[in-house]
Amino acid sequence: MPVPDTIRVKLSSEEAGAISITPVVMREMPARDLVEQVLCVTGKQAESVIEMLRRGSLVAGASRLRWQPFEASREEIDGLLACFPNSEPERPFSARRCVSAVLRGPALRIELTRESAGRRRFMRRGDFWQVLMRLAEARGPAYLEYSYRERADAYRMMVSRESEVALRAAAALLPYAALSRQIARSAIETVDLIAPR
């Protein structure tokens, strides 16, 4: 059976905890959109995509997608996958393209957007985002992969002791007191950087 142009998909919530009744939404989804959801789980591996389509279900974040399982040929899937970007390990990091960052440490995971981290505290020059981007450009983060979930290239910067001190000091530039204190008091080991193409 060839890959249909559109696929009827049931979307439901995968809430943890007590039993809850959530509505099931039916949606006609273009095959390309469904394959993009599958790529977020499998990566760009044709055999894994074929198996997921054959299975007929997928958990993506807090949602479960279900559809009538179908068999897709390797040629059809290769054709669909050709529409999606590949990872490009040689692609250099560009602070200009970077839109978000995740600070990570032993007990730390803070997501920041360019907009939120670029806000200035009253009567301060500069902002946290500028400091973070200067450090990233100086250190040259390593390329991780193309993220189909983010539709962007993902990079990782290892944080040296000097960079950690600079980030903690720059936390005072953030206009959010609780976030500023959290960054200033935490051990920061790596920063993941997201740069859409």
N, C-alpha and C. Protein backbone atom coordinates (compact mmCIF):
# COMPACT_ATOMS: atom_id res chain seq x y z
N MET A 1 0.84 -1.19 0.00
CA MET A 1 0.00 0.00 0.00
C MET A 1 0.88 1.25 0.00
N PRO A 2 0.70 2.16 -0.97
CA PRO A 2 1.54 3.37 -1.01
C PRO A 2 1.21 4.31 0.14
N VAL A 3 2.14 5.20 0.45
CA VAL A 3 1.92 6.19 1.50
C VAL A 3 0.81 7.12 1.04
N PRO A 4 -0.28 7.25 1.82
CA PRO A 4 -1.37 8.15 1.42
C PRO A 4 -0.93 9.61 1.51
N ASP A 5 -1.59 10.48 0.74
CA ASP A 5 -1.26 11.91 0.80
C ASP A 5 -1.58 12.49 2.17
N THR A 6 -2.76 12.10 2.71
CA THR A 6 -3.14 12.53 4.05
C THR A 6 -3.49 11.30 4.88
N ILE A 7 -3.26 11.42 6.17
CA ILE A 7 -3.48 10.30 7.09
C ILE A 7 -4.38 10.80 8.23
N ARG A 8 -5.42 10.03 8.52
CA ARG A 8 -6.33 10.37 9.62
C ARG A 8 -5.65 9.98 10.93
N VAL A 9 -5.38 10.98 11.76
CA VAL A 9 -4.62 10.79 13.00
C VAL A 9 -5.49 11.14 14.20
N LYS A 10 -5.46 10.29 15.22
CA LYS A 10 -6.11 10.57 16.50
C LYS A 10 -5.06 11.15 17.42
N LEU A 11 -5.35 12.31 17.98
CA LEU A 11 -4.44 12.96 18.93
C LEU A 11 -5.08 12.92 20.30
N SER A 12 -4.33 12.44 21.29
CA SER A 12 -4.82 12.42 22.66
C SER A 12 -3.69 12.77 23.61
N SER A 13 -4.04 13.13 24.84
CA SER A 13 -3.06 13.54 25.83
C SER A 13 -2.49 12.32 26.54
N GLU A 14 -1.20 12.39 26.87
CA GLU A 14 -0.53 11.34 27.64
C GLU A 14 -0.21 11.87 29.02
N GLU A 15 -1.21 12.34 29.74
CA GLU A 15 -0.98 12.91 31.07
C GLU A 15 -0.56 11.84 32.06
N ALA A 16 0.42 12.17 32.87
CA ALA A 16 0.84 11.24 33.93
C ALA A 16 -0.03 11.46 35.15
N GLY A 17 -0.04 10.50 36.02
CA GLY A 17 -0.77 10.67 37.27
C GLY A 17 -2.10 9.96 37.25
N ALA A 18 -3.07 10.55 37.91
CA ALA A 18 -4.39 9.93 38.06
C ALA A 18 -5.08 9.80 36.70
N ILE A 19 -6.04 8.92 36.66
CA ILE A 19 -6.81 8.72 35.43
C ILE A 19 -7.58 9.99 35.13
N SER A 20 -7.46 10.46 33.90
CA SER A 20 -8.19 11.65 33.51
C SER A 20 -8.82 11.40 32.15
N ILE A 21 -9.90 12.08 31.91
CA ILE A 21 -10.58 11.94 30.63
C ILE A 21 -10.24 13.17 29.80
N THR A 22 -9.53 12.94 28.71
CA THR A 22 -9.17 14.04 27.82
C THR A 22 -9.77 13.77 26.45
N PRO A 23 -10.13 14.82 25.75
CA PRO A 23 -10.75 14.61 24.45
C PRO A 23 -9.75 14.04 23.44
N VAL A 24 -10.28 13.22 22.53
CA VAL A 24 -9.49 12.71 21.42
C VAL A 24 -9.86 13.54 20.21
N VAL A 25 -8.86 14.09 19.57
CA VAL A 25 -9.08 14.94 18.40
C VAL A 25 -8.70 14.16 17.15
N MET A 26 -9.57 14.16 16.17
CA MET A 26 -9.27 13.54 14.87
C MET A 26 -8.77 14.63 13.93
N ARG A 27 -7.72 14.32 13.20
CA ARG A 27 -7.16 15.32 12.29
C ARG A 27 -6.64 14.66 11.04
N GLU A 28 -6.91 15.27 9.90
CA GLU A 28 -6.32 14.82 8.64
C GLU A 28 -4.94 15.47 8.54
N MET A 29 -3.91 14.66 8.56
CA MET A 29 -2.54 15.19 8.58
C MET A 29 -1.82 14.80 7.29
N PRO A 30 -1.19 15.76 6.61
CA PRO A 30 -0.39 15.40 5.45
C PRO A 30 0.70 14.40 5.85
N ALA A 31 0.99 13.45 4.97
CA ALA A 31 1.99 12.41 5.26
C ALA A 31 3.32 13.03 5.69
N ARG A 32 3.71 14.13 5.05
CA ARG A 32 4.98 14.79 5.38
C ARG A 32 4.99 15.24 6.84
N ASP A 33 3.85 15.80 7.33
CA ASP A 33 3.78 16.26 8.71
C ASP A 33 3.89 15.10 9.70
N LEU A 34 3.24 13.99 9.37
CA LEU A 34 3.33 12.82 10.25
C LEU A 34 4.76 12.29 10.28
N VAL A 35 5.40 12.22 9.12
CA VAL A 35 6.79 11.75 9.07
C VAL A 35 7.70 12.68 9.87
N GLU A 36 7.43 13.97 9.84
CA GLU A 36 8.24 14.91 10.62
C GLU A 36 8.09 14.62 12.12
N GLN A 37 6.87 14.30 12.57
CA GLN A 37 6.67 13.91 13.97
C GLN A 37 7.45 12.64 14.31
N VAL A 38 7.43 11.69 13.37
CA VAL A 38 8.16 10.44 13.57
C VAL A 38 9.67 10.69 13.65
N LEU A 39 10.18 11.60 12.82
CA LEU A 39 11.61 11.91 12.82
C LEU A 39 12.08 12.46 14.16
N CYS A 40 11.19 13.15 14.88
CA CYS A 40 11.55 13.67 16.20
C CYS A 40 11.91 12.54 17.16
N VAL A 41 11.36 11.35 16.91
CA VAL A 41 11.62 10.19 17.77
C VAL A 41 12.73 9.31 17.20
N THR A 42 12.67 9.06 15.89
CA THR A 42 13.58 8.08 15.28
C THR A 42 14.86 8.67 14.71
N GLY A 43 14.85 9.97 14.41
CA GLY A 43 15.94 10.52 13.63
C GLY A 43 15.74 10.12 12.17
N LYS A 44 16.66 10.51 11.31
CA LYS A 44 16.50 10.28 9.87
C LYS A 44 17.01 8.89 9.49
N GLN A 45 16.30 7.88 9.98
CA GLN A 45 16.65 6.48 9.72
C GLN A 45 15.44 5.82 9.07
N ALA A 46 15.57 5.52 7.79
CA ALA A 46 14.43 5.02 7.00
C ALA A 46 13.78 3.79 7.63
N GLU A 47 14.57 2.81 8.07
CA GLU A 47 14.00 1.58 8.62
C GLU A 47 13.19 1.85 9.88
N SER A 48 13.66 2.75 10.72
CA SER A 48 12.93 3.10 11.94
C SER A 48 11.63 3.83 11.62
N VAL A 49 11.66 4.69 10.61
CA VAL A 49 10.45 5.40 10.18
C VAL A 49 9.42 4.40 9.65
N ILE A 50 9.87 3.47 8.81
CA ILE A 50 8.97 2.44 8.26
C ILE A 50 8.34 1.64 9.38
N GLU A 51 9.13 1.25 10.38
CA GLU A 51 8.61 0.47 11.51
C GLU A 51 7.58 1.26 12.31
N MET A 52 7.83 2.55 12.52
CA MET A 52 6.90 3.39 13.28
C MET A 52 5.58 3.54 12.53
N LEU A 53 5.64 3.72 11.20
CA LEU A 53 4.41 3.84 10.40
C LEU A 53 3.64 2.52 10.42
N ARG A 54 4.37 1.41 10.42
CA ARG A 54 3.75 0.09 10.48
C ARG A 54 3.08 -0.14 11.84
N ARG A 55 3.66 0.45 12.90
CA ARG A 55 3.12 0.29 14.25
C ARG A 55 1.83 1.09 14.43
N GLY A 56 1.78 2.29 13.86
CA GLY A 56 0.55 3.08 13.91
C GLY A 56 0.37 3.92 15.15
N SER A 57 1.43 4.14 15.92
CA SER A 57 1.30 5.02 17.08
C SER A 57 2.64 5.64 17.43
N LEU A 58 2.55 6.76 18.13
CA LEU A 58 3.75 7.53 18.47
C LEU A 58 3.42 8.40 19.67
N VAL A 59 4.32 8.46 20.63
CA VAL A 59 4.18 9.40 21.75
C VAL A 59 5.18 10.51 21.50
N ALA A 60 4.66 11.74 21.39
CA ALA A 60 5.49 12.92 21.16
C ALA A 60 5.21 13.93 22.27
N GLY A 61 6.12 14.05 23.21
CA GLY A 61 5.91 14.95 24.34
C GLY A 61 4.73 14.45 25.17
N ALA A 62 3.73 15.32 25.35
CA ALA A 62 2.56 14.96 26.15
C ALA A 62 1.41 14.46 25.29
N SER A 63 1.67 14.19 24.01
CA SER A 63 0.61 13.75 23.11
C SER A 63 0.88 12.36 22.55
N ARG A 64 -0.19 11.64 22.32
CA ARG A 64 -0.11 10.35 21.63
C ARG A 64 -0.81 10.52 20.29
N LEU A 65 -0.14 10.08 19.24
CA LEU A 65 -0.71 10.09 17.90
C LEU A 65 -0.95 8.65 17.49
N ARG A 66 -2.15 8.38 16.94
CA ARG A 66 -2.48 7.03 16.46
C ARG A 66 -3.11 7.15 15.08
N TRP A 67 -2.78 6.20 14.22
CA TRP A 67 -3.32 6.17 12.87
C TRP A 67 -3.45 4.72 12.44
N GLN A 68 -4.16 4.51 11.34
CA GLN A 68 -4.29 3.17 10.78
C GLN A 68 -2.91 2.75 10.28
N PRO A 69 -2.31 1.69 10.86
CA PRO A 69 -0.97 1.29 10.43
C PRO A 69 -0.94 0.98 8.92
N PHE A 70 0.18 1.27 8.31
CA PHE A 70 0.32 0.94 6.89
C PHE A 70 1.77 0.61 6.58
N GLU A 71 1.94 -0.12 5.52
CA GLU A 71 3.26 -0.55 5.06
C GLU A 71 3.76 0.46 4.03
N ALA A 72 4.95 0.97 4.21
CA ALA A 72 5.54 1.91 3.26
C ALA A 72 6.82 1.30 2.70
N SER A 73 7.05 1.50 1.43
CA SER A 73 8.27 0.95 0.82
C SER A 73 9.47 1.82 1.17
N ARG A 74 10.63 1.24 1.09
CA ARG A 74 11.87 1.97 1.37
C ARG A 74 12.03 3.14 0.40
N GLU A 75 11.65 2.94 -0.86
CA GLU A 75 11.78 4.00 -1.88
C GLU A 75 10.88 5.19 -1.53
N GLU A 76 9.63 4.91 -1.11
CA GLU A 76 8.71 5.99 -0.75
C GLU A 76 9.24 6.78 0.45
N ILE A 77 9.73 6.07 1.45
CA ILE A 77 10.24 6.74 2.65
C ILE A 77 11.51 7.52 2.32
N ASP A 78 12.38 6.95 1.50
CA ASP A 78 13.58 7.68 1.09
C ASP A 78 13.19 8.97 0.38
N GLY A 79 12.14 8.92 -0.45
CA GLY A 79 11.66 10.11 -1.15
C GLY A 79 11.15 11.17 -0.18
N LEU A 80 10.39 10.73 0.83
CA LEU A 80 9.89 11.67 1.85
C LEU A 80 11.04 12.24 2.68
N LEU A 81 11.99 11.39 3.06
CA LEU A 81 13.10 11.84 3.90
C LEU A 81 13.99 12.84 3.18
N ALA A 82 14.04 12.77 1.85
CA ALA A 82 14.86 13.70 1.08
C ALA A 82 14.38 15.14 1.24
N CYS A 83 13.12 15.32 1.66
CA CYS A 83 12.55 16.66 1.86
C CYS A 83 13.06 17.32 3.14
N PHE A 84 13.64 16.53 4.04
CA PHE A 84 14.05 17.05 5.34
C PHE A 84 15.55 17.30 5.39
N PRO A 85 15.98 18.31 6.16
CA PRO A 85 17.41 18.61 6.26
C PRO A 85 18.19 17.46 6.90
N ASN A 86 19.46 17.41 6.58
CA ASN A 86 20.38 16.47 7.21
C ASN A 86 21.20 17.20 8.26
N SER A 87 21.76 16.46 9.19
CA SER A 87 22.74 17.04 10.10
C SER A 87 23.96 17.45 9.28
N GLU A 88 24.57 18.58 9.66
CA GLU A 88 25.76 19.08 8.96
C GLU A 88 26.84 19.40 10.00
N PRO A 89 27.60 18.38 10.41
CA PRO A 89 28.60 18.59 11.46
C PRO A 89 29.61 19.69 11.15
N GLU A 90 29.81 20.00 9.86
CA GLU A 90 30.77 21.04 9.50
C GLU A 90 30.18 22.45 9.60
N ARG A 91 28.88 22.57 9.86
CA ARG A 91 28.23 23.88 9.93
C ARG A 91 28.70 24.61 11.19
N PRO A 92 29.34 25.79 11.03
CA PRO A 92 29.83 26.51 12.21
C PRO A 92 28.68 27.17 12.98
N PHE A 93 28.89 27.36 14.27
CA PHE A 93 27.91 28.04 15.11
C PHE A 93 27.86 29.52 14.74
N SER A 94 26.65 30.09 14.73
CA SER A 94 26.47 31.52 14.47
C SER A 94 25.58 32.10 15.56
N ALA A 95 26.10 33.02 16.34
CA ALA A 95 25.33 33.65 17.41
C ALA A 95 24.14 34.40 16.84
N ARG A 96 24.28 34.93 15.64
CA ARG A 96 23.19 35.67 15.00
C ARG A 96 21.97 34.79 14.77
N ARG A 97 22.18 33.50 14.48
CA ARG A 97 21.07 32.57 14.23
C ARG A 97 20.53 31.93 15.49
N CYS A 98 21.24 32.00 16.58
CA CYS A 98 20.86 31.31 17.81
C CYS A 98 19.62 31.96 18.44
N VAL A 99 18.62 31.14 18.78
CA VAL A 99 17.37 31.67 19.34
C VAL A 99 17.09 31.19 20.76
N SER A 100 17.77 30.12 21.19
CA SER A 100 17.54 29.63 22.55
C SER A 100 18.75 28.87 23.06
N ALA A 101 18.79 28.74 24.38
CA ALA A 101 19.91 28.04 25.03
C ALA A 101 19.37 27.31 26.25
N VAL A 102 20.03 26.20 26.57
CA VAL A 102 19.68 25.43 27.78
C VAL A 102 20.94 25.30 28.61
N LEU A 103 20.93 25.91 29.79
CA LEU A 103 22.05 25.79 30.73
C LEU A 103 21.85 24.50 31.51
N ARG A 104 22.91 23.67 31.57
CA ARG A 104 22.81 22.38 32.25
C ARG A 104 23.93 22.21 33.27
N GLY A 105 23.57 21.54 34.35
CA GLY A 105 24.53 21.20 35.39
C GLY A 105 23.99 20.01 36.16
N PRO A 106 24.67 19.60 37.24
CA PRO A 106 24.23 18.42 38.01
C PRO A 106 22.78 18.53 38.49
N ALA A 107 22.36 19.69 38.93
CA ALA A 107 20.98 19.87 39.40
C ALA A 107 20.36 21.08 38.71
N LEU A 108 20.69 21.25 37.43
CA LEU A 108 20.29 22.46 36.72
C LEU A 108 19.85 22.15 35.30
N ARG A 109 18.73 22.72 34.92
CA ARG A 109 18.29 22.73 33.52
C ARG A 109 17.43 23.96 33.34
N ILE A 110 18.01 25.00 32.74
CA ILE A 110 17.30 26.26 32.55
C ILE A 110 17.25 26.57 31.07
N GLU A 111 16.04 26.71 30.55
CA GLU A 111 15.84 27.09 29.15
C GLU A 111 15.69 28.60 29.07
N LEU A 112 16.42 29.19 28.14
CA LEU A 112 16.37 30.63 27.92
C LEU A 112 16.14 30.91 26.44
N THR A 113 15.31 31.90 26.15
CA THR A 113 15.17 32.35 24.77
C THR A 113 15.99 33.63 24.59
N ARG A 114 16.27 33.96 23.35
CA ARG A 114 17.00 35.20 23.07
C ARG A 114 16.22 36.39 23.62
N GLU A 115 14.87 36.35 23.48
CA GLU A 115 14.05 37.46 23.94
C GLU A 115 14.11 37.63 25.46
N SER A 116 13.94 36.51 26.19
CA SER A 116 13.91 36.63 27.66
C SER A 116 15.30 36.96 28.22
N ALA A 117 16.33 36.31 27.71
CA ALA A 117 17.69 36.54 28.23
C ALA A 117 18.28 37.84 27.70
N GLY A 118 17.64 38.42 26.67
CA GLY A 118 18.13 39.68 26.10
C GLY A 118 17.50 40.91 26.74
N ARG A 119 16.58 40.70 27.67
CA ARG A 119 15.98 41.85 28.37
C ARG A 119 17.00 42.42 29.35
N ARG A 120 16.97 43.74 29.45
CA ARG A 120 17.94 44.40 30.32
C ARG A 120 17.31 44.79 31.65
N ARG A 121 18.09 44.66 32.67
CA ARG A 121 17.67 45.14 33.98
C ARG A 121 17.78 46.66 33.96
N PHE A 122 16.89 47.30 34.66
CA PHE A 122 16.86 48.76 34.69
C PHE A 122 18.22 49.33 35.11
N MET A 123 18.68 50.31 34.36
CA MET A 123 19.93 51.03 34.63
C MET A 123 21.17 50.15 34.45
N ARG A 124 21.08 49.09 33.66
CA ARG A 124 22.24 48.24 33.40
C ARG A 124 22.59 48.31 31.92
N ARG A 125 23.86 48.23 31.65
CA ARG A 125 24.31 48.13 30.26
C ARG A 125 24.53 46.67 29.94
N GLY A 126 24.19 46.30 28.73
CA GLY A 126 24.39 44.92 28.32
C GLY A 126 23.31 44.01 28.88
N ASP A 127 23.33 42.76 28.41
CA ASP A 127 22.35 41.79 28.89
C ASP A 127 22.99 40.41 28.93
N PHE A 128 22.32 39.49 29.58
CA PHE A 128 22.82 38.13 29.75
C PHE A 128 23.06 37.44 28.41
N TRP A 129 22.14 37.63 27.45
CA TRP A 129 22.26 36.97 26.15
C TRP A 129 23.54 37.40 25.43
N GLN A 130 23.88 38.69 25.50
CA GLN A 130 25.11 39.17 24.86
C GLN A 130 26.33 38.48 25.45
N VAL A 131 26.36 38.34 26.76
CA VAL A 131 27.49 37.67 27.42
C VAL A 131 27.56 36.21 26.98
N LEU A 132 26.42 35.54 26.98
CA LEU A 132 26.37 34.13 26.59
C LEU A 132 26.85 33.94 25.15
N MET A 133 26.42 34.80 24.24
CA MET A 133 26.81 34.67 22.83
C MET A 133 28.29 34.98 22.63
N ARG A 134 28.81 35.95 23.36
CA ARG A 134 30.26 36.22 23.26
C ARG A 134 31.06 35.01 23.70
N LEU A 135 30.66 34.38 24.80
CA LEU A 135 31.35 33.18 25.28
C LEU A 135 31.23 32.05 24.26
N ALA A 136 30.04 31.87 23.69
CA ALA A 136 29.82 30.79 22.72
C ALA A 136 30.69 30.99 21.48
N GLU A 137 30.72 32.20 20.97
CA GLU A 137 31.55 32.45 19.78
C GLU A 137 33.03 32.27 20.08
N ALA A 138 33.46 32.63 21.27
CA ALA A 138 34.88 32.49 21.64
C ALA A 138 35.24 31.01 21.80
N ARG A 139 34.35 30.22 22.36
CA ARG A 139 34.65 28.81 22.64
C ARG A 139 34.37 27.89 21.45
N GLY A 140 33.51 28.31 20.51
CA GLY A 140 33.19 27.46 19.36
C GLY A 140 32.51 26.17 19.75
N PRO A 141 31.20 26.23 20.03
CA PRO A 141 30.48 25.03 20.47
C PRO A 141 30.56 23.89 19.46
N ALA A 142 30.48 22.67 19.95
CA ALA A 142 30.52 21.48 19.08
C ALA A 142 29.13 21.23 18.49
N TYR A 143 29.10 20.82 17.24
CA TYR A 143 27.84 20.50 16.57
C TYR A 143 27.31 19.18 17.13
N LEU A 144 26.02 19.14 17.50
CA LEU A 144 25.41 17.90 17.98
C LEU A 144 24.65 17.19 16.87
N GLU A 145 23.62 17.88 16.33
CA GLU A 145 22.76 17.25 15.33
C GLU A 145 21.77 18.28 14.81
N TYR A 146 21.06 17.87 13.74
CA TYR A 146 19.90 18.65 13.33
C TYR A 146 18.73 18.12 14.13
N SER A 147 18.03 19.00 14.84
CA SER A 147 16.89 18.60 15.67
C SER A 147 15.60 18.80 14.87
N TYR A 148 14.91 17.69 14.58
CA TYR A 148 13.65 17.80 13.84
C TYR A 148 12.56 18.39 14.72
N ARG A 149 12.65 18.20 16.02
CA ARG A 149 11.67 18.79 16.93
C ARG A 149 11.78 20.32 16.93
N GLU A 150 13.01 20.82 16.94
CA GLU A 150 13.24 22.27 16.97
C GLU A 150 13.33 22.88 15.57
N ARG A 151 13.48 22.02 14.57
CA ARG A 151 13.73 22.48 13.19
C ARG A 151 14.95 23.40 13.17
N ALA A 152 16.01 22.92 13.79
CA ALA A 152 17.20 23.75 13.97
C ALA A 152 18.42 22.87 14.21
N ASP A 153 19.59 23.49 14.03
CA ASP A 153 20.85 22.82 14.37
C ASP A 153 21.09 23.00 15.87
N ALA A 154 21.57 21.93 16.51
CA ALA A 154 21.85 21.96 17.94
C ALA A 154 23.35 21.87 18.17
N TYR A 155 23.84 22.69 19.07
CA TYR A 155 25.27 22.76 19.41
C TYR A 155 25.41 22.60 20.92
N ARG A 156 26.59 22.20 21.37
CA ARG A 156 26.85 22.12 22.81
C ARG A 156 28.19 22.79 23.13
N MET A 157 28.14 23.68 24.11
CA MET A 157 29.33 24.37 24.57
C MET A 157 29.70 23.81 25.95
N MET A 158 30.91 23.32 26.08
CA MET A 158 31.43 22.92 27.38
C MET A 158 31.82 24.20 28.13
N VAL A 159 31.41 24.30 29.37
CA VAL A 159 31.64 25.52 30.14
C VAL A 159 32.89 25.37 30.99
N SER A 160 33.89 26.20 30.70
CA SER A 160 35.12 26.21 31.49
C SER A 160 34.86 26.92 32.82
N ARG A 161 35.80 26.84 33.72
CA ARG A 161 35.66 27.53 35.01
C ARG A 161 35.51 29.03 34.80
N GLU A 162 36.30 29.60 33.88
CA GLU A 162 36.24 31.04 33.61
C GLU A 162 34.89 31.42 33.02
N SER A 163 34.37 30.58 32.11
CA SER A 163 33.07 30.86 31.50
C SER A 163 31.96 30.77 32.53
N GLU A 164 32.07 29.81 33.44
CA GLU A 164 31.05 29.66 34.49
C GLU A 164 31.02 30.91 35.38
N VAL A 165 32.18 31.41 35.73
CA VAL A 165 32.26 32.62 36.55
C VAL A 165 31.63 33.79 35.80
N ALA A 166 31.91 33.90 34.50
CA ALA A 166 31.34 34.99 33.69
C ALA A 166 29.82 34.89 33.60
N LEU A 167 29.30 33.67 33.43
CA LEU A 167 27.85 33.48 33.35
C LEU A 167 27.17 33.79 34.68
N ARG A 168 27.80 33.37 35.78
CA ARG A 168 27.22 33.66 37.09
C ARG A 168 27.18 35.17 37.34
N ALA A 169 28.25 35.86 36.96
CA ALA A 169 28.28 37.31 37.14
C ALA A 169 27.25 37.99 36.24
N ALA A 170 27.10 37.49 35.01
CA ALA A 170 26.14 38.07 34.07
C ALA A 170 24.70 37.85 34.49
N ALA A 171 24.46 36.88 35.36
CA ALA A 171 23.10 36.62 35.84
C ALA A 171 22.51 37.87 36.49
N ALA A 172 23.34 38.73 37.04
CA ALA A 172 22.85 39.97 37.66
C ALA A 172 22.23 40.91 36.63
N LEU A 173 22.49 40.69 35.35
CA LEU A 173 21.91 41.53 34.31
C LEU A 173 20.46 41.15 33.99
N LEU A 174 20.05 39.94 34.40
CA LEU A 174 18.69 39.48 34.12
C LEU A 174 17.68 40.25 34.96
N PRO A 175 16.54 40.63 34.38
CA PRO A 175 15.53 41.36 35.15
C PRO A 175 14.65 40.47 36.02
N TYR A 176 14.91 39.17 36.04
CA TYR A 176 14.11 38.21 36.81
C TYR A 176 14.93 37.77 38.02
N ALA A 177 14.54 38.22 39.21
CA ALA A 177 15.34 37.99 40.41
C ALA A 177 15.54 36.51 40.72
N ALA A 178 14.47 35.71 40.64
CA ALA A 178 14.59 34.29 40.98
C ALA A 178 15.52 33.57 40.01
N LEU A 179 15.38 33.86 38.71
CA LEU A 179 16.24 33.24 37.70
C LEU A 179 17.68 33.68 37.89
N SER A 180 17.87 34.95 38.15
CA SER A 180 19.21 35.48 38.38
C SER A 180 19.90 34.76 39.54
N ARG A 181 19.17 34.59 40.65
CA ARG A 181 19.75 33.90 41.81
C ARG A 181 20.06 32.44 41.49
N GLN A 182 19.15 31.78 40.74
CA GLN A 182 19.36 30.37 40.42
C GLN A 182 20.63 30.18 39.59
N ILE A 183 20.82 31.02 38.59
CA ILE A 183 22.03 30.90 37.75
C ILE A 183 23.28 31.24 38.56
N ALA A 184 23.20 32.28 39.36
CA ALA A 184 24.37 32.73 40.14
C ALA A 184 24.83 31.68 41.16
N ARG A 185 23.91 30.81 41.60
CA ARG A 185 24.24 29.83 42.64
C ARG A 185 24.48 28.42 42.11
N SER A 186 24.27 28.19 40.82
CA SER A 186 24.32 26.83 40.28
C SER A 186 25.63 26.53 39.57
N ALA A 187 25.96 25.25 39.55
CA ALA A 187 27.10 24.78 38.76
C ALA A 187 26.61 24.60 37.32
N ILE A 188 27.29 25.22 36.38
CA ILE A 188 26.92 25.14 34.97
C ILE A 188 28.03 24.37 34.25
N GLU A 189 27.67 23.24 33.65
CA GLU A 189 28.67 22.40 32.98
C GLU A 189 28.64 22.54 31.47
N THR A 190 27.42 22.62 30.90
CA THR A 190 27.30 22.74 29.45
C THR A 190 26.16 23.71 29.13
N VAL A 191 26.19 24.22 27.90
CA VAL A 191 25.09 25.03 27.38
C VAL A 191 24.75 24.49 25.99
N ASP A 192 23.50 24.07 25.81
CA ASP A 192 23.02 23.66 24.50
C ASP A 192 22.44 24.86 23.79
N LEU A 193 22.79 25.02 22.52
CA LEU A 193 22.40 26.19 21.75
C LEU A 193 21.62 25.75 20.51
N ILE A 194 20.50 26.41 20.24
CA ILE A 194 19.62 26.05 19.14
C ILE A 194 19.63 27.16 18.10
N ALA A 195 19.96 26.80 16.85
CA ALA A 195 20.08 27.79 15.78
C ALA A 195 19.31 27.32 14.55
N PRO A 196 18.10 27.86 14.32
CA PRO A 196 17.34 27.48 13.12
C PRO A 196 18.10 27.84 11.85
N ARG A 197 17.85 27.06 10.80
CA ARG A 197 18.50 27.36 9.51
C ARG A 197 17.71 28.44 8.78
